[in-house]
């Protein structure tokens, strides 16, 4: 605005070159870290990269309809789950991807993201349905 007095932003100026913890919070070291190994990002996105490669190959061989049909089947199979308090093995998704005949880390030691959750079944179902 014309004729107004410019006001400096003092929220970023902190004595001794630190951060304003009250306004910005603590910094997360994990978000600032780079991958510890060059293959870490590749392994993290392995399944996604493999699906993209399979879809591209399928499109080149059979045409556009084949990967679209397979993606629809993936989406339909991912929606089918057990109740929230029961572990779901997603065997149909493994069968579509061809992982049903291979033994991996998660088959023996279980996937840490799918650990057992104890709780009241009725509350968990109501929470999943958005009733709570």
Protein backbone atom coordinates (compact mmCIF):
# COMPACT_ATOMS: atom_id res chain seq x y z
CA UNK A 1 0.00 0.00 0.00
CA UNK A 2 1.18 3.46 -0.80
CA UNK A 3 2.08 5.57 2.18
CA UNK A 4 2.19 2.70 4.65
CA UNK A 5 5.12 1.99 6.91
CA UNK A 6 6.99 -1.24 6.11
CA UNK A 7 7.05 -3.60 9.08
CA UNK A 8 9.81 -6.17 9.39
CA UNK A 9 8.96 -9.76 10.15
CA UNK A 10 10.58 -10.33 13.54
CA UNK A 11 9.24 -13.88 13.89
CA UNK A 12 12.23 -15.33 12.05
CA UNK A 13 14.86 -13.32 13.94
CA UNK A 14 16.01 -15.22 16.99
CA UNK A 15 19.04 -14.42 19.11
CA UNK A 16 22.12 -16.60 18.64
CA UNK A 17 20.99 -17.88 15.23
CA UNK A 18 18.53 -20.48 16.51
CA UNK A 19 14.96 -21.24 15.48
CA UNK A 20 11.79 -19.90 17.00
CA UNK A 21 10.49 -23.11 18.55
CA UNK A 22 7.19 -21.60 19.65
CA UNK A 23 6.22 -20.63 16.10
CA UNK A 24 7.90 -23.34 14.03
CA UNK A 25 8.21 -26.31 16.38
CA UNK A 26 11.07 -28.74 16.58
CA UNK A 27 12.84 -29.68 13.39
CA UNK A 28 12.62 -33.26 12.32
CA UNK A 29 16.01 -34.78 11.67
CA UNK A 30 14.41 -37.68 9.79
CA UNK A 31 12.97 -35.33 7.15
CA UNK A 32 16.40 -33.80 6.56
CA UNK A 33 18.28 -37.08 6.20
CA UNK A 34 19.27 -38.38 2.83
CA UNK A 35 18.95 -42.08 2.05
CA UNK A 36 21.74 -43.98 3.76
CA UNK A 37 22.30 -46.23 0.75
CA UNK A 38 21.81 -45.61 -2.97
CA UNK A 39 19.46 -48.59 -3.26
CA UNK A 40 17.21 -47.53 -0.37
CA UNK A 41 14.83 -45.48 -2.52
CA UNK A 42 14.73 -48.21 -5.14
CA UNK A 43 13.82 -50.85 -2.55
CA UNK A 44 11.21 -48.61 -0.94
CA UNK A 45 9.42 -48.19 -4.28
CA UNK A 46 10.12 -51.70 -5.61
CA UNK A 47 6.50 -52.87 -5.90
CA UNK A 48 5.37 -49.62 -7.55
CA UNK A 49 8.25 -49.76 -10.05
CA UNK A 50 7.56 -53.42 -10.79
CA UNK A 51 3.86 -52.71 -11.40
CA UNK A 52 4.70 -49.83 -13.76
CA UNK A 53 7.11 -52.04 -15.72
CA UNK A 54 4.57 -54.86 -15.92
CA UNK A 55 1.84 -52.48 -17.11
CA UNK A 56 4.12 -50.97 -19.76
CA UNK A 57 5.13 -54.42 -21.02
CA UNK A 58 1.52 -55.59 -21.04
CA UNK A 59 0.46 -52.49 -22.95
CA UNK A 60 3.14 -53.03 -25.60
CA UNK A 61 2.24 -56.69 -26.04
CA UNK A 62 -1.56 -56.80 -25.70
CA UNK A 63 -2.70 -53.22 -26.12
CA UNK A 64 -4.23 -50.58 -23.89
CA UNK A 65 -7.11 -52.69 -22.58
CA UNK A 66 -4.92 -55.24 -20.72
CA UNK A 67 -3.27 -52.91 -18.17
CA UNK A 68 -6.56 -51.04 -17.65
CA UNK A 69 -8.36 -54.29 -16.87
CA UNK A 70 -5.58 -55.37 -14.51
CA UNK A 71 -5.62 -51.99 -12.73
CA UNK A 72 -9.40 -52.29 -12.25
CA UNK A 73 -8.92 -55.76 -10.78
CA UNK A 74 -6.20 -54.45 -8.43
CA UNK A 75 -8.47 -51.64 -7.27
CA UNK A 76 -11.40 -54.00 -6.69
CA UNK A 77 -9.26 -56.49 -4.77
CA UNK A 78 -7.73 -53.77 -2.55
CA UNK A 79 -11.22 -52.68 -1.45
CA UNK A 80 -12.14 -56.13 -0.14
CA UNK A 81 -10.95 -56.43 3.44
CA UNK A 82 -11.85 -58.12 6.66
CA UNK A 83 -13.19 -56.29 9.66
CA UNK A 84 -10.73 -53.73 11.10
CA UNK A 85 -9.81 -55.87 14.11
CA UNK A 86 -8.92 -58.96 12.01
CA UNK A 87 -5.70 -59.36 10.05
CA UNK A 88 -6.22 -59.52 6.28
CA UNK A 89 -3.73 -61.50 4.22
CA UNK A 90 -4.79 -59.94 0.88
CA UNK A 91 -4.32 -63.30 -0.84
CA UNK A 92 -6.27 -62.16 -3.91
CA UNK A 93 -3.89 -59.21 -4.43
CA UNK A 94 -0.88 -61.50 -4.01
CA UNK A 95 -2.37 -63.87 -6.58
CA UNK A 96 -2.90 -61.07 -9.10
CA UNK A 97 0.65 -59.85 -8.65
CA UNK A 98 2.10 -63.37 -8.79
CA UNK A 99 3.48 -63.20 -5.23
CA UNK A 100 1.42 -66.11 -3.97
CA UNK A 101 4.13 -68.65 -4.81
CA UNK A 102 7.08 -66.76 -3.34
CA UNK A 103 8.21 -66.65 0.27
CA UNK A 104 9.35 -63.26 1.52
CA UNK A 105 10.33 -61.49 4.72
CA UNK A 106 6.74 -60.63 5.61
CA UNK A 107 5.68 -64.30 5.30
CA UNK A 108 8.07 -65.44 8.00
CA UNK A 109 8.53 -62.48 10.34
CA UNK A 110 5.28 -60.63 9.49
CA UNK A 111 5.06 -57.15 8.08
CA UNK A 112 5.58 -54.61 10.90
CA UNK A 113 2.90 -52.33 9.48
CA UNK A 114 0.32 -55.09 9.89
CA UNK A 115 0.95 -55.86 13.53
CA UNK A 116 -1.93 -57.09 15.65
CA UNK A 117 -4.11 -54.41 17.13
CA UNK A 118 -6.08 -55.11 20.28
CA UNK A 119 -9.20 -53.17 20.86
CA UNK A 120 -12.92 -53.35 21.20
CA UNK A 121 -14.27 -54.71 17.89
CA UNK A 122 -17.45 -52.62 17.91
CA UNK A 123 -15.53 -49.38 18.46
CA UNK A 124 -13.05 -50.20 15.69
CA UNK A 125 -15.81 -50.94 13.16
CA UNK A 126 -17.72 -47.77 14.10
CA UNK A 127 -14.53 -45.72 13.72
CA UNK A 128 -13.82 -47.24 10.29
CA UNK A 129 -17.39 -46.49 9.15
CA UNK A 130 -17.13 -42.91 10.42
CA UNK A 131 -19.83 -43.26 13.06
CA UNK A 132 -17.59 -42.01 15.88
